[in-house]
Amino acid sequence: MYNGSSSGNWWSSIPTVTKNLIIINLIVWLAEILVPGFSKTLVDRLGLHLIGSGLFNPAQFLTYMFMHSPDNPMHILFNMFSLWMFGRILEHVWGSKRFLIFYLVCGIGAAAVQEGVWELTWKSEYVDGIARLNGLTSEHMRAIVDAAVSSGDPKWIEAIDSFKSMMVTIGASGAIYGILLGFAFTFPNMPLYFFFIPVPIKAKYMVIGYGVIEFFLGVSGSASTIAHFAHLGGMLFGIFMLLYWKKKGTLHRFN
């Protein structure tokens, strides 16, 4: 957490974009909790699905980042706390327009990276899964699947479409990781404190650590329900924008 303080009413001191992003995320999350069956409908329509899935819609590149699972309150709490802690500072420094652009680009960039990873891995995941169920090698199962798809077998095509439709990502984490990177890039030597750890850590080292952990978790497949590469995608698109602003000499300009 940030080693700083603010005076006055903490809510009224939050700048406009940061405040509205928090409000929108909380409203959607509460709607998922309070309206029975609404969560699945929202996920089907607004969650990010694999391109080529029957549930995919291009608008999901934007809408997915405003949704969080009602079954995992820590997900939205971490994201909104991080947005409040770091986003409000960046919005004060960069201005509301630039901050919003940065947030959305990081979130959309995270979605683009996640789509790329899905496209490269979905077939292997599908083949490996049904190979285990049928006691076959992945190579044998892949040959069966390829032959069935080539022949237009409707049962296999339907099964594959169903598998693709189950691939979905929700949450603001990609944009939030971009915000963390933006904070560390703008204030690299700012001391940060983690809960229960009394030793301050410079922001630049914290973000490097986050990035390394996400990369190894993504490659290893650990915690596979978490979109680690989407987190990295948010940071990747964030660094592109930050380097561009730095080159133009506008990184710290108020606008």
Protein backbone atom coordinates (compact mmCIF):
# COMPACT_ATOMS: atom_id res chain seq x y z
CA MET A 1 0.00 0.00 0.00
CA TYR A 2 1.03 3.59 -0.56
CA ASN A 3 2.84 5.32 2.29
CA GLY A 4 0.93 8.55 2.24
CA SER A 5 -2.08 10.33 3.64
CA SER A 6 -4.85 12.65 2.59
CA SER A 7 -6.88 15.21 4.46
CA GLY A 8 -10.57 15.89 4.46
CA ASN A 9 -13.27 13.50 3.35
CA TRP A 10 -11.55 10.56 1.63
CA TRP A 11 -14.43 9.91 -0.78
CA SER A 12 -14.83 13.49 -1.97
CA SER A 13 -11.06 13.71 -2.45
CA ILE A 14 -11.11 10.94 -5.07
CA PRO A 15 -10.89 12.45 -8.58
CA THR A 16 -13.79 12.00 -10.98
CA VAL A 17 -12.63 9.18 -13.27
CA THR A 18 -11.24 7.01 -10.50
CA LYS A 19 -14.41 7.49 -8.46
CA ASN A 20 -16.72 6.68 -11.36
CA LEU A 21 -14.75 3.57 -12.31
CA ILE A 22 -15.07 2.30 -8.75
CA ILE A 23 -18.81 3.07 -8.68
CA ILE A 24 -19.51 1.30 -12.00
CA ASN A 25 -17.60 -1.82 -10.94
CA LEU A 26 -19.38 -1.96 -7.59
CA ILE A 27 -22.82 -1.43 -9.12
CA VAL A 28 -22.32 -4.28 -11.60
CA TRP A 29 -20.93 -6.55 -8.89
CA LEU A 30 -23.84 -5.84 -6.52
CA ALA A 31 -26.33 -6.43 -9.34
CA GLU A 32 -24.79 -9.85 -9.89
CA ILE A 33 -25.20 -10.67 -6.21
CA LEU A 34 -28.68 -9.25 -5.63
CA VAL A 35 -30.44 -10.50 -8.78
CA PRO A 36 -30.60 -14.33 -8.90
CA GLY A 37 -29.38 -15.78 -12.19
CA PHE A 38 -28.26 -12.37 -13.44
CA SER A 39 -24.57 -13.14 -13.04
CA LYS A 40 -24.50 -15.86 -15.70
CA THR A 41 -26.42 -13.66 -18.13
CA LEU A 42 -23.94 -10.83 -17.62
CA VAL A 43 -20.96 -13.14 -18.03
CA ASP A 44 -22.39 -14.60 -21.24
CA ARG A 45 -23.04 -11.17 -22.70
CA LEU A 46 -20.32 -8.95 -21.22
CA GLY A 47 -17.47 -11.29 -20.24
CA LEU A 48 -14.58 -11.66 -22.67
CA HIS A 49 -15.03 -14.82 -24.75
CA LEU A 50 -12.72 -16.45 -27.25
CA ILE A 51 -12.98 -14.96 -30.72
CA GLY A 52 -14.78 -17.59 -32.78
CA SER A 53 -17.00 -18.59 -29.89
CA GLY A 54 -20.72 -18.19 -30.41
CA LEU A 55 -20.79 -15.93 -27.35
CA PHE A 56 -18.09 -13.52 -28.53
CA ASN A 57 -18.90 -9.88 -29.20
CA PRO A 58 -16.26 -7.21 -29.97
CA ALA A 59 -17.75 -4.96 -27.27
CA GLN A 60 -16.52 -7.50 -24.71
CA PHE A 61 -13.00 -6.08 -25.10
CA LEU A 62 -14.38 -3.16 -23.08
CA THR A 63 -17.23 -4.58 -21.01
CA TYR A 64 -15.34 -7.50 -19.44
CA MET A 65 -13.23 -5.18 -17.28
CA PHE A 66 -16.29 -3.91 -15.40
CA MET A 67 -17.33 -7.35 -14.16
CA HIS A 68 -16.17 -9.45 -11.22
CA SER A 69 -17.27 -12.80 -9.87
CA PRO A 70 -19.86 -12.53 -7.07
CA ASP A 71 -18.32 -15.68 -5.56
CA ASN A 72 -14.90 -14.09 -5.07
CA PRO A 73 -15.20 -10.77 -3.20
CA MET A 74 -11.42 -10.55 -2.75
CA HIS A 75 -11.04 -10.12 -6.52
CA ILE A 76 -13.05 -6.92 -6.72
CA LEU A 77 -11.80 -5.68 -3.34
CA PHE A 78 -8.17 -5.97 -4.43
CA ASN A 79 -8.85 -4.32 -7.78
CA MET A 80 -10.89 -1.44 -6.38
CA PHE A 81 -8.51 -0.87 -3.48
CA SER A 82 -5.59 -0.72 -5.93
CA LEU A 83 -7.54 1.59 -8.22
CA TRP A 84 -8.28 3.91 -5.30
CA MET A 85 -4.77 3.76 -3.87
CA PHE A 86 -2.80 4.31 -7.08
CA GLY A 87 -5.32 5.50 -9.64
CA ARG A 88 -6.30 8.65 -7.78
CA ILE A 89 -2.65 9.73 -7.59
CA LEU A 90 -2.05 9.15 -11.30
CA GLU A 91 -5.27 10.96 -12.20
CA HIS A 92 -4.15 13.99 -10.17
CA VAL A 93 -0.77 13.96 -11.95
CA TRP A 94 -1.86 13.11 -15.49
CA GLY A 95 -5.32 14.62 -15.59
CA SER A 96 -8.64 12.81 -15.97
CA LYS A 97 -8.61 12.43 -19.76
CA ARG A 98 -5.13 10.93 -19.96
CA PHE A 99 -5.75 8.66 -16.97
CA LEU A 100 -8.97 7.29 -18.48
CA ILE A 101 -7.28 6.65 -21.83
CA PHE A 102 -4.43 4.86 -20.08
CA TYR A 103 -6.82 2.73 -18.00
CA LEU A 104 -8.92 1.68 -20.99
CA VAL A 105 -5.93 0.99 -23.25
CA CYS A 106 -4.37 -1.24 -20.58
CA GLY A 107 -7.65 -3.10 -20.11
CA ILE A 108 -8.28 -3.56 -23.83
CA GLY A 109 -4.63 -4.50 -24.36
CA ALA A 110 -4.94 -7.13 -21.63
CA ALA A 111 -7.96 -8.56 -23.46
CA ALA A 112 -6.05 -8.65 -26.76
CA VAL A 113 -3.17 -10.56 -25.18
CA GLN A 114 -5.58 -12.99 -23.51
CA GLU A 115 -7.26 -13.64 -26.87
CA GLY A 116 -3.87 -14.34 -28.42
CA VAL A 117 -2.96 -16.80 -25.67
CA TRP A 118 -6.32 -18.53 -25.99
CA GLU A 119 -5.92 -18.86 -29.74
CA LEU A 120 -2.53 -20.51 -29.28
CA THR A 121 -3.58 -22.87 -26.50
CA TRP A 122 -7.27 -23.76 -26.70
CA LYS A 123 -6.85 -26.71 -29.04
CA SER A 124 -4.11 -28.30 -26.96
CA GLU A 125 -6.17 -27.86 -23.79
CA TYR A 126 -9.21 -29.41 -25.45
CA VAL A 127 -7.32 -32.33 -26.96
CA ASP A 128 -5.34 -33.06 -23.80
CA GLY A 129 -8.52 -33.02 -21.70
CA ILE A 130 -10.51 -35.47 -23.80
CA ALA A 131 -7.44 -37.63 -24.37
CA ARG A 132 -7.16 -38.19 -20.61
CA LEU A 133 -10.87 -39.00 -20.38
CA ASN A 134 -10.56 -41.61 -23.12
CA GLY A 135 -7.21 -43.08 -22.09
CA LEU A 136 -5.51 -42.00 -25.32
CA THR A 137 -2.34 -40.12 -26.09
CA SER A 138 -2.66 -36.47 -27.06
CA GLU A 139 -1.22 -37.21 -30.50
CA HIS A 140 -3.83 -39.92 -31.15
CA MET A 141 -6.65 -37.72 -29.91
CA ARG A 142 -5.49 -34.77 -31.99
CA ALA A 143 -5.58 -36.93 -35.13
CA ILE A 144 -9.14 -38.00 -34.31
CA VAL A 145 -10.27 -34.41 -33.69
CA ASP A 146 -8.61 -33.09 -36.86
CA ALA A 147 -10.21 -35.83 -38.95
CA ALA A 148 -13.64 -35.19 -37.44
CA VAL A 149 -13.45 -31.45 -38.00
CA SER A 150 -12.19 -31.90 -41.56
CA SER A 151 -15.13 -34.16 -42.33
CA GLY A 152 -17.58 -31.67 -40.81
CA ASP A 153 -18.80 -34.06 -38.10
CA PRO A 154 -21.57 -32.02 -36.38
CA LYS A 155 -21.11 -33.71 -32.98
CA TRP A 156 -17.43 -32.81 -32.79
CA ILE A 157 -18.01 -29.28 -34.08
CA GLU A 158 -20.74 -28.76 -31.48
CA ALA A 159 -18.49 -30.12 -28.73
CA ILE A 160 -15.64 -27.82 -29.75
CA ASP A 161 -17.97 -24.81 -29.90
CA SER A 162 -19.22 -25.67 -26.44
CA PHE A 163 -15.65 -25.84 -25.13
CA LYS A 164 -14.79 -22.49 -26.70
CA SER A 165 -17.85 -20.90 -25.13
CA MET A 166 -16.61 -21.90 -21.67
CA MET A 167 -13.45 -19.82 -22.11
CA VAL A 168 -14.22 -16.48 -20.49
CA THR A 169 -12.34 -13.76 -18.60
CA ILE A 170 -13.81 -11.04 -16.40
CA GLY A 171 -12.37 -8.39 -14.12
CA ALA A 172 -10.43 -5.14 -14.12
CA SER A 173 -7.13 -6.80 -13.23
CA GLY A 174 -5.49 -6.16 -16.60
CA ALA A 175 -6.19 -2.43 -16.32
CA ILE A 176 -5.18 -2.47 -12.65
CA TYR A 177 -1.81 -4.03 -13.41
CA GLY A 178 -1.33 -1.28 -15.96
CA ILE A 179 -2.10 1.27 -13.24
CA LEU A 180 0.44 -0.36 -10.91
CA LEU A 181 3.03 -0.14 -13.67
CA GLY A 182 2.08 3.48 -14.37
CA PHE A 183 2.55 4.39 -10.73
CA ALA A 184 5.96 2.67 -10.52
CA PHE A 185 7.06 4.28 -13.78
CA THR A 186 6.02 7.74 -12.63
CA PHE A 187 7.20 7.36 -9.03
CA PRO A 188 9.85 4.60 -9.21
CA ASN A 189 11.40 5.26 -5.81
CA MET A 190 8.17 5.81 -3.88
CA PRO A 191 8.24 3.53 -0.80
CA LEU A 192 5.35 1.07 -0.57
CA TYR A 193 4.31 -1.14 2.31
CA PHE A 194 2.72 -4.57 2.02
CA PHE A 195 0.31 -5.77 4.65
CA PHE A 196 2.12 -7.46 7.56
CA ILE A 197 5.55 -6.56 6.10
CA PRO A 198 7.06 -3.58 7.96
CA VAL A 199 9.87 -3.02 5.46
CA PRO A 200 9.22 -0.47 2.66
CA ILE A 201 9.75 -1.58 -0.94
CA LYS A 202 10.35 0.83 -3.78
CA ALA A 203 7.52 0.92 -6.31
CA LYS A 204 9.74 -0.13 -9.22
CA TYR A 205 10.84 -3.30 -7.44
CA MET A 206 7.30 -4.13 -6.41
CA VAL A 207 6.06 -3.98 -9.99
CA ILE A 208 9.00 -5.96 -11.33
CA GLY A 209 8.23 -8.61 -8.73
CA TYR A 210 4.56 -8.68 -9.73
CA GLY A 211 5.49 -9.05 -13.40
CA VAL A 212 7.95 -11.90 -12.77
CA ILE A 213 5.44 -13.78 -10.61
CA GLU A 214 2.66 -13.39 -13.19
CA PHE A 215 4.94 -14.60 -15.99
CA PHE A 216 6.01 -17.76 -14.18
CA LEU A 217 2.47 -18.51 -13.00
CA GLY A 218 1.22 -18.09 -16.56
CA VAL A 219 3.90 -20.31 -18.09
CA SER A 220 3.55 -22.99 -15.42
CA GLY A 221 -0.23 -23.03 -15.61
CA SER A 222 -0.54 -22.54 -11.84
CA ALA A 223 -3.88 -21.09 -10.71
CA SER A 224 -5.17 -21.64 -14.25
CA THR A 225 -8.47 -19.91 -13.47
CA ILE A 226 -6.54 -16.62 -13.25
CA ALA A 227 -5.69 -14.82 -16.50
CA HIS A 228 -2.00 -14.22 -15.74
CA PHE A 229 -1.15 -13.30 -19.33
CA ALA A 230 -3.96 -10.74 -19.35
CA HIS A 231 -2.29 -9.11 -16.35
CA LEU A 232 0.98 -9.04 -18.26
CA GLY A 233 -0.86 -7.69 -21.29
CA GLY A 234 -2.12 -4.74 -19.28
CA MET A 235 1.43 -4.00 -18.18
CA LEU A 236 2.77 -4.44 -21.72
CA PHE A 237 0.36 -1.96 -23.29
CA GLY A 238 0.92 0.35 -20.32
CA ILE A 239 4.69 0.47 -20.84
CA PHE A 240 4.21 1.25 -24.53
CA MET A 241 2.11 4.30 -23.64
CA LEU A 242 4.42 5.41 -20.84
CA LEU A 243 7.52 5.21 -23.03
CA TYR A 244 5.72 7.18 -25.73
CA TRP A 245 4.73 9.91 -23.26
CA LYS A 246 8.25 9.98 -21.83
CA LYS A 247 9.74 10.37 -25.30
CA LYS A 248 7.40 13.29 -25.97
CA GLY A 249 8.29 14.78 -22.59
CA THR A 250 4.69 14.77 -21.40
CA LEU A 251 4.78 12.06 -18.74
CA HIS A 252 4.42 14.46 -15.80
CA ARG A 253 2.45 17.15 -17.59
CA PHE A 254 -0.93 18.07 -16.16
CA ASN A 255 -3.61 18.03 -18.83
